[in-house]
Amino acid sequence: MGVHRQVRGAATNLNQAVTRLHSTGEPAGDLAAAAAYLARIAARVDELVTAIAAAQTGRR
């Protein structure tokens, strides 16, 4: 799965969980899991961007 699709899917899941929280006043069972998953994906993307930047800097 591409990074864009993974981030978009995780963000959509988190948005849906937060929407349920706002509409019911209580967190859905998947809210914490969705937030944790999105945080892990964001950390991986940050690592990749850093690695790519380092590789490009090393070539110059």
PDB file of N, CA and C in Angstrom:
ATOM      1  N   MET A   1       0.852  -1.169   0.000  1.00  0.00           N
ATOM      2  CA  MET A   1       0.000   0.000   0.000  1.00  0.00           C
ATOM      3  C   MET A   1       0.899   1.234   0.000  1.00  0.00           C
ATOM      4  N   GLY A   2       0.565   2.200  -0.824  1.00  0.00           N
ATOM      5  CA  GLY A   2       1.347   3.422  -0.894  1.00  0.00           C
ATOM      6  C   GLY A   2       1.221   4.253   0.374  1.00  0.00           C
ATOM      7  N   VAL A   3       2.224   5.059   0.606  1.00  0.00           N
ATOM      8  CA  VAL A   3       2.250   5.891   1.808  1.00  0.00           C
ATOM      9  C   VAL A   3       1.044   6.828   1.841  1.00  0.00           C
ATOM     10  N   HIS A   4       0.738   7.431   0.712  1.00  0.00           N
ATOM     11  CA  HIS A   4      -0.389   8.367   0.655  1.00  0.00           C
ATOM     12  C   HIS A   4      -1.684   7.679   1.059  1.00  0.00           C
ATOM     13  N   ARG A   5      -1.924   6.500   0.516  1.00  0.00           N
ATOM     14  CA  ARG A   5      -3.154   5.766   0.847  1.00  0.00           C
ATOM     15  C   ARG A   5      -3.177   5.364   2.314  1.00  0.00           C
ATOM     16  N   GLN A   6      -2.029   4.985   2.844  1.00  0.00           N
ATOM     17  CA  GLN A   6      -1.950   4.575   4.241  1.00  0.00           C
ATOM     18  C   GLN A   6      -2.252   5.746   5.178  1.00  0.00           C
ATOM     19  N   VAL A   7      -1.651   6.890   4.901  1.00  0.00           N
ATOM     20  CA  VAL A   7      -1.891   8.071   5.732  1.00  0.00           C
ATOM     21  C   VAL A   7      -3.341   8.517   5.605  1.00  0.00           C
ATOM     22  N   ARG A   8      -3.843   8.561   4.385  1.00  0.00           N
ATOM     23  CA  ARG A   8      -5.234   8.989   4.173  1.00  0.00           C
ATOM     24  C   ARG A   8      -6.207   8.058   4.882  1.00  0.00           C
ATOM     25  N   GLY A   9      -5.985   6.760   4.773  1.00  0.00           N
ATOM     26  CA  GLY A   9      -6.869   5.798   5.429  1.00  0.00           C
ATOM     27  C   GLY A   9      -6.838   5.927   6.942  1.00  0.00           C
ATOM     28  N   ALA A  10      -5.645   6.081   7.493  1.00  0.00           N
ATOM     29  CA  ALA A  10      -5.519   6.224   8.944  1.00  0.00           C
ATOM     30  C   ALA A  10      -6.173   7.515   9.421  1.00  0.00           C
ATOM     31  N   ALA A  11      -5.981   8.591   8.675  1.00  0.00           N
ATOM     32  CA  ALA A  11      -6.587   9.873   9.042  1.00  0.00           C
ATOM     33  C   ALA A  11      -8.107   9.802   8.955  1.00  0.00           C
ATOM     34  N   THR A  12      -8.619   9.105   7.956  1.00  0.00           N
ATOM     35  CA  THR A  12     -10.066   8.933   7.818  1.00  0.00           C
ATOM     36  C   THR A  12     -10.624   8.158   9.000  1.00  0.00           C
ATOM     37  N   ASN A  13      -9.945   7.077   9.387  1.00  0.00           N
ATOM     38  CA  ASN A  13     -10.397   6.288  10.536  1.00  0.00           C
ATOM     39  C   ASN A  13     -10.413   7.126  11.810  1.00  0.00           C
ATOM     40  N   LEU A  14      -9.364   7.916  12.014  1.00  0.00           N
ATOM     41  CA  LEU A  14      -9.306   8.767  13.199  1.00  0.00           C
ATOM     42  C   LEU A  14     -10.410   9.817  13.152  1.00  0.00           C
ATOM     43  N   ASN A  15     -10.633  10.410  11.996  1.00  0.00           N
ATOM     44  CA  ASN A  15     -11.682  11.415  11.851  1.00  0.00           C
ATOM     45  C   ASN A  15     -13.053  10.823  12.176  1.00  0.00           C
ATOM     46  N   GLN A  16     -13.311   9.610  11.712  1.00  0.00           N
ATOM     47  CA  GLN A  16     -14.594   8.966  11.995  1.00  0.00           C
ATOM     48  C   GLN A  16     -14.757   8.689  13.489  1.00  0.00           C
ATOM     49  N   ALA A  17     -13.675   8.261  14.135  1.00  0.00           N
ATOM     50  CA  ALA A  17     -13.732   7.993  15.574  1.00  0.00           C
ATOM     51  C   ALA A  17     -13.978   9.284  16.359  1.00  0.00           C
ATOM     52  N   VAL A  18     -13.345  10.371  15.945  1.00  0.00           N
ATOM     53  CA  VAL A  18     -13.546  11.661  16.617  1.00  0.00           C
ATOM     54  C   VAL A  18     -14.958  12.179  16.359  1.00  0.00           C
ATOM     55  N   THR A  19     -15.472  11.964  15.157  1.00  0.00           N
ATOM     56  CA  THR A  19     -16.844  12.370  14.846  1.00  0.00           C
ATOM     57  C   THR A  19     -17.827  11.662  15.769  1.00  0.00           C
ATOM     58  N   ARG A  20     -17.613  10.357  15.990  1.00  0.00           N
ATOM     59  CA  ARG A  20     -18.473   9.620  16.925  1.00  0.00           C
ATOM     60  C   ARG A  20     -18.350  10.194  18.338  1.00  0.00           C
ATOM     61  N   LEU A  21     -17.131  10.555  18.746  1.00  0.00           N
ATOM     62  CA  LEU A  21     -16.922  11.152  20.069  1.00  0.00           C
ATOM     63  C   LEU A  21     -17.716  12.448  20.192  1.00  0.00           C
ATOM     64  N   HIS A  22     -17.662  13.275  19.174  1.00  0.00           N
ATOM     65  CA  HIS A  22     -18.370  14.558  19.213  1.00  0.00           C
ATOM     66  C   HIS A  22     -19.878  14.366  19.198  1.00  0.00           C
ATOM     67  N   SER A  23     -20.361  13.362  18.485  1.00  0.00           N
ATOM     68  CA  SER A  23     -21.810  13.189  18.384  1.00  0.00           C
ATOM     69  C   SER A  23     -22.408  12.491  19.600  1.00  0.00           C
ATOM     70  N   THR A  24     -21.641  11.620  20.249  1.00  0.00           N
ATOM     71  CA  THR A  24     -22.180  10.869  21.389  1.00  0.00           C
ATOM     72  C   THR A  24     -21.652  11.353  22.731  1.00  0.00           C
ATOM     73  N   GLY A  25     -20.523  12.057  22.714  1.00  0.00           N
ATOM     74  CA  GLY A  25     -19.909  12.495  23.955  1.00  0.00           C
ATOM     75  C   GLY A  25     -19.047  11.430  24.615  1.00  0.00           C
ATOM     76  N   GLU A  26     -18.989  10.258  23.997  1.00  0.00           N
ATOM     77  CA  GLU A  26     -18.178   9.171  24.537  1.00  0.00           C
ATOM     78  C   GLU A  26     -17.252   8.648  23.452  1.00  0.00           C
ATOM     79  N   PRO A  27     -16.012   8.305  23.833  1.00  0.00           N
ATOM     80  CA  PRO A  27     -15.077   7.796  22.823  1.00  0.00           C
ATOM     81  C   PRO A  27     -15.481   6.412  22.328  1.00  0.00           C
ATOM     82  N   ALA A  28     -15.341   6.221  21.039  1.00  0.00           N
ATOM     83  CA  ALA A  28     -15.589   4.904  20.458  1.00  0.00           C
ATOM     84  C   ALA A  28     -14.434   3.988  20.845  1.00  0.00           C
ATOM     85  N   GLY A  29     -14.652   2.704  20.772  1.00  0.00           N
ATOM     86  CA  GLY A  29     -13.630   1.749  21.151  1.00  0.00           C
ATOM     87  C   GLY A  29     -12.370   1.839  20.320  1.00  0.00           C
ATOM     88  N   ASP A  30     -12.494   2.330  19.091  1.00  0.00           N
ATOM     89  CA  ASP A  30     -11.335   2.372  18.196  1.00  0.00           C
ATOM     90  C   ASP A  30     -10.625   3.725  18.173  1.00  0.00           C
ATOM     91  N   LEU A  31     -11.034   4.670  19.002  1.00  0.00           N
ATOM     92  CA  LEU A  31     -10.423   6.002  18.973  1.00  0.00           C
ATOM     93  C   LEU A  31      -8.942   5.945  19.331  1.00  0.00           C
ATOM     94  N   ALA A  32      -8.606   5.304  20.422  1.00  0.00           N
ATOM     95  CA  ALA A  32      -7.201   5.238  20.843  1.00  0.00           C
ATOM     96  C   ALA A  32      -6.366   4.467  19.831  1.00  0.00           C
ATOM     97  N   ALA A  33      -6.909   3.383  19.317  1.00  0.00           N
ATOM     98  CA  ALA A  33      -6.171   2.579  18.336  1.00  0.00           C
ATOM     99  C   ALA A  33      -5.946   3.364  17.048  1.00  0.00           C
ATOM    100  N   ALA A  34      -6.960   4.099  16.598  1.00  0.00           N
ATOM    101  CA  ALA A  34      -6.825   4.890  15.374  1.00  0.00           C
ATOM    102  C   ALA A  34      -5.792   5.996  15.559  1.00  0.00           C
ATOM    103  N   ALA A  35      -5.803   6.645  16.715  1.00  0.00           N
ATOM    104  CA  ALA A  35      -4.826   7.706  16.985  1.00  0.00           C
ATOM    105  C   ALA A  35      -3.410   7.137  17.053  1.00  0.00           C
ATOM    106  N   ALA A  36      -3.259   5.991  17.699  1.00  0.00           N
ATOM    107  CA  ALA A  36      -1.935   5.370  17.814  1.00  0.00           C
ATOM    108  C   ALA A  36      -1.417   4.927  16.450  1.00  0.00           C
ATOM    109  N   TYR A  37      -2.300   4.378  15.628  1.00  0.00           N
ATOM    110  CA  TYR A  37      -1.903   3.924  14.293  1.00  0.00           C
ATOM    111  C   TYR A  37      -1.445   5.104  13.445  1.00  0.00           C
ATOM    112  N   LEU A  38      -2.195   6.190  13.472  1.00  0.00           N
ATOM    113  CA  LEU A  38      -1.821   7.373  12.695  1.00  0.00           C
ATOM    114  C   LEU A  38      -0.502   7.954  13.203  1.00  0.00           C
ATOM    115  N   ALA A  39      -0.294   7.945  14.503  1.00  0.00           N
ATOM    116  CA  ALA A  39       0.971   8.440  15.058  1.00  0.00           C
ATOM    117  C   ALA A  39       2.144   7.580  14.588  1.00  0.00           C
ATOM    118  N   ARG A  40       1.953   6.253  14.526  1.00  0.00           N
ATOM    119  CA  ARG A  40       3.025   5.370  14.046  1.00  0.00           C
ATOM    120  C   ARG A  40       3.330   5.633  12.579  1.00  0.00           C
ATOM    121  N   ILE A  41       2.298   5.810  11.770  1.00  0.00           N
ATOM    122  CA  ILE A  41       2.507   6.081  10.348  1.00  0.00           C
ATOM    123  C   ILE A  41       3.223   7.417  10.167  1.00  0.00           C
ATOM    124  N   ALA A  42       2.800   8.435  10.912  1.00  0.00           N
ATOM    125  CA  ALA A  42       3.442   9.749  10.809  1.00  0.00           C
ATOM    126  C   ALA A  42       4.915   9.662  11.193  1.00  0.00           C
ATOM    127  N   ALA A  43       5.226   8.891  12.213  1.00  0.00           N
ATOM    128  CA  ALA A  43       6.622   8.729  12.626  1.00  0.00           C
ATOM    129  C   ALA A  43       7.430   8.039  11.534  1.00  0.00           C
ATOM    130  N   ARG A  44       6.838   7.038  10.887  1.00  0.00           N
ATOM    131  CA  ARG A  44       7.530   6.344   9.800  1.00  0.00           C
ATOM    132  C   ARG A  44       7.768   7.274   8.623  1.00  0.00           C
ATOM    133  N   VAL A  45       6.779   8.099   8.292  1.00  0.00           N
ATOM    134  CA  VAL A  45       6.940   9.056   7.195  1.00  0.00           C
ATOM    135  C   VAL A  45       8.051  10.046   7.535  1.00  0.00           C
ATOM    136  N   ASP A  46       8.068  10.533   8.771  1.00  0.00           N
ATOM    137  CA  ASP A  46       9.137  11.450   9.193  1.00  0.00           C
ATOM    138  C   ASP A  46      10.505  10.800   9.046  1.00  0.00           C
ATOM    139  N   GLU A  47      10.626   9.533   9.449  1.00  0.00           N
ATOM    140  CA  GLU A  47      11.898   8.818   9.326  1.00  0.00           C
ATOM    141  C   GLU A  47      12.324   8.704   7.865  1.00  0.00           C
ATOM    142  N   LEU A  48      11.369   8.392   6.997  1.00  0.00           N
ATOM    143  CA  LEU A  48      11.685   8.267   5.574  1.00  0.00           C
ATOM    144  C   LEU A  48      12.125   9.593   4.972  1.00  0.00           C
ATOM    145  N   VAL A  49      11.431  10.658   5.310  1.00  0.00           N
ATOM    146  CA  VAL A  49      11.793  11.977   4.788  1.00  0.00           C
ATOM    147  C   VAL A  49      13.192  12.361   5.262  1.00  0.00           C
ATOM    148  N   THR A  50      13.486  12.095   6.519  1.00  0.00           N
ATOM    149  CA  THR A  50      14.816  12.384   7.056  1.00  0.00           C
ATOM    150  C   THR A  50      15.882  11.568   6.340  1.00  0.00           C
ATOM    151  N   ALA A  51      15.607  10.292   6.104  1.00  0.00           N
ATOM    152  CA  ALA A  51      16.567   9.426   5.414  1.00  0.00           C
ATOM    153  C   ALA A  51      16.793   9.880   3.977  1.00  0.00           C
ATOM    154  N   ILE A  52      15.730  10.269   3.302  1.00  0.00           N
ATOM    155  CA  ILE A  52      15.859  10.743   1.920  1.00  0.00           C
ATOM    156  C   ILE A  52      16.673  12.035   1.885  1.00  0.00           C
ATOM    157  N   ALA A  53      16.369  12.949   2.797  1.00  0.00           N
ATOM    158  CA  ALA A  53      17.117  14.211   2.852  1.00  0.00           C
ATOM    159  C   ALA A  53      18.590  13.957   3.145  1.00  0.00           C
ATOM    160  N   ALA A  54      18.876  13.032   4.049  1.00  0.00           N
ATOM    161  CA  ALA A  54      20.268  12.712   4.383  1.00  0.00           C
ATOM    162  C   ALA A  54      20.976  12.090   3.194  1.00  0.00           C
ATOM    163  N   ALA A  55      20.284  11.225   2.471  1.00  0.00           N
ATOM    164  CA  ALA A  55      20.887  10.580   1.301  1.00  0.00           C
ATOM    165  C   ALA A  55      21.186  11.612   0.217  1.00  0.00           C
ATOM    166  N   GLN A  56      20.283  12.547   0.017  1.00  0.00           N
ATOM    167  CA  GLN A  56      20.503  13.571  -1.003  1.00  0.00           C
ATOM    168  C   GLN A  56      21.625  14.510  -0.597  1.00  0.00           C
ATOM    169  N   THR A  57      21.717  14.837   0.670  1.00  0.00           N
ATOM    170  CA  THR A  57      22.787  15.703   1.164  1.00  0.00           C
ATOM    171  C   THR A  57      24.128  14.999   1.034  1.00  0.00           C
ATOM    172  N   GLY A  58      24.143  13.709   1.276  1.00  0.00           N
ATOM    173  CA  GLY A  58      25.372  12.931   1.187  1.00  0.00           C
ATOM    174  C   GLY A  58      25.908  12.818  -0.225  1.00  0.00           C
ATOM    175  N   ARG A  59      25.046  12.943  -1.224  1.00  0.00           N
ATOM    176  CA  ARG A  59      25.459  12.838  -2.629  1.00  0.00           C
ATOM    177  C   ARG A  59      26.117  14.105  -3.126  1.00  0.00           C
ATOM    178  N   ARG A  60      25.807  15.211  -2.506  1.00  0.00           N
ATOM    179  CA  ARG A  60      26.301  16.493  -3.014  1.00  0.00           C
ATOM    180  C   ARG A  60      27.706  16.715  -2.656  1.00  0.00           C
TER     181      ARG A  60
END
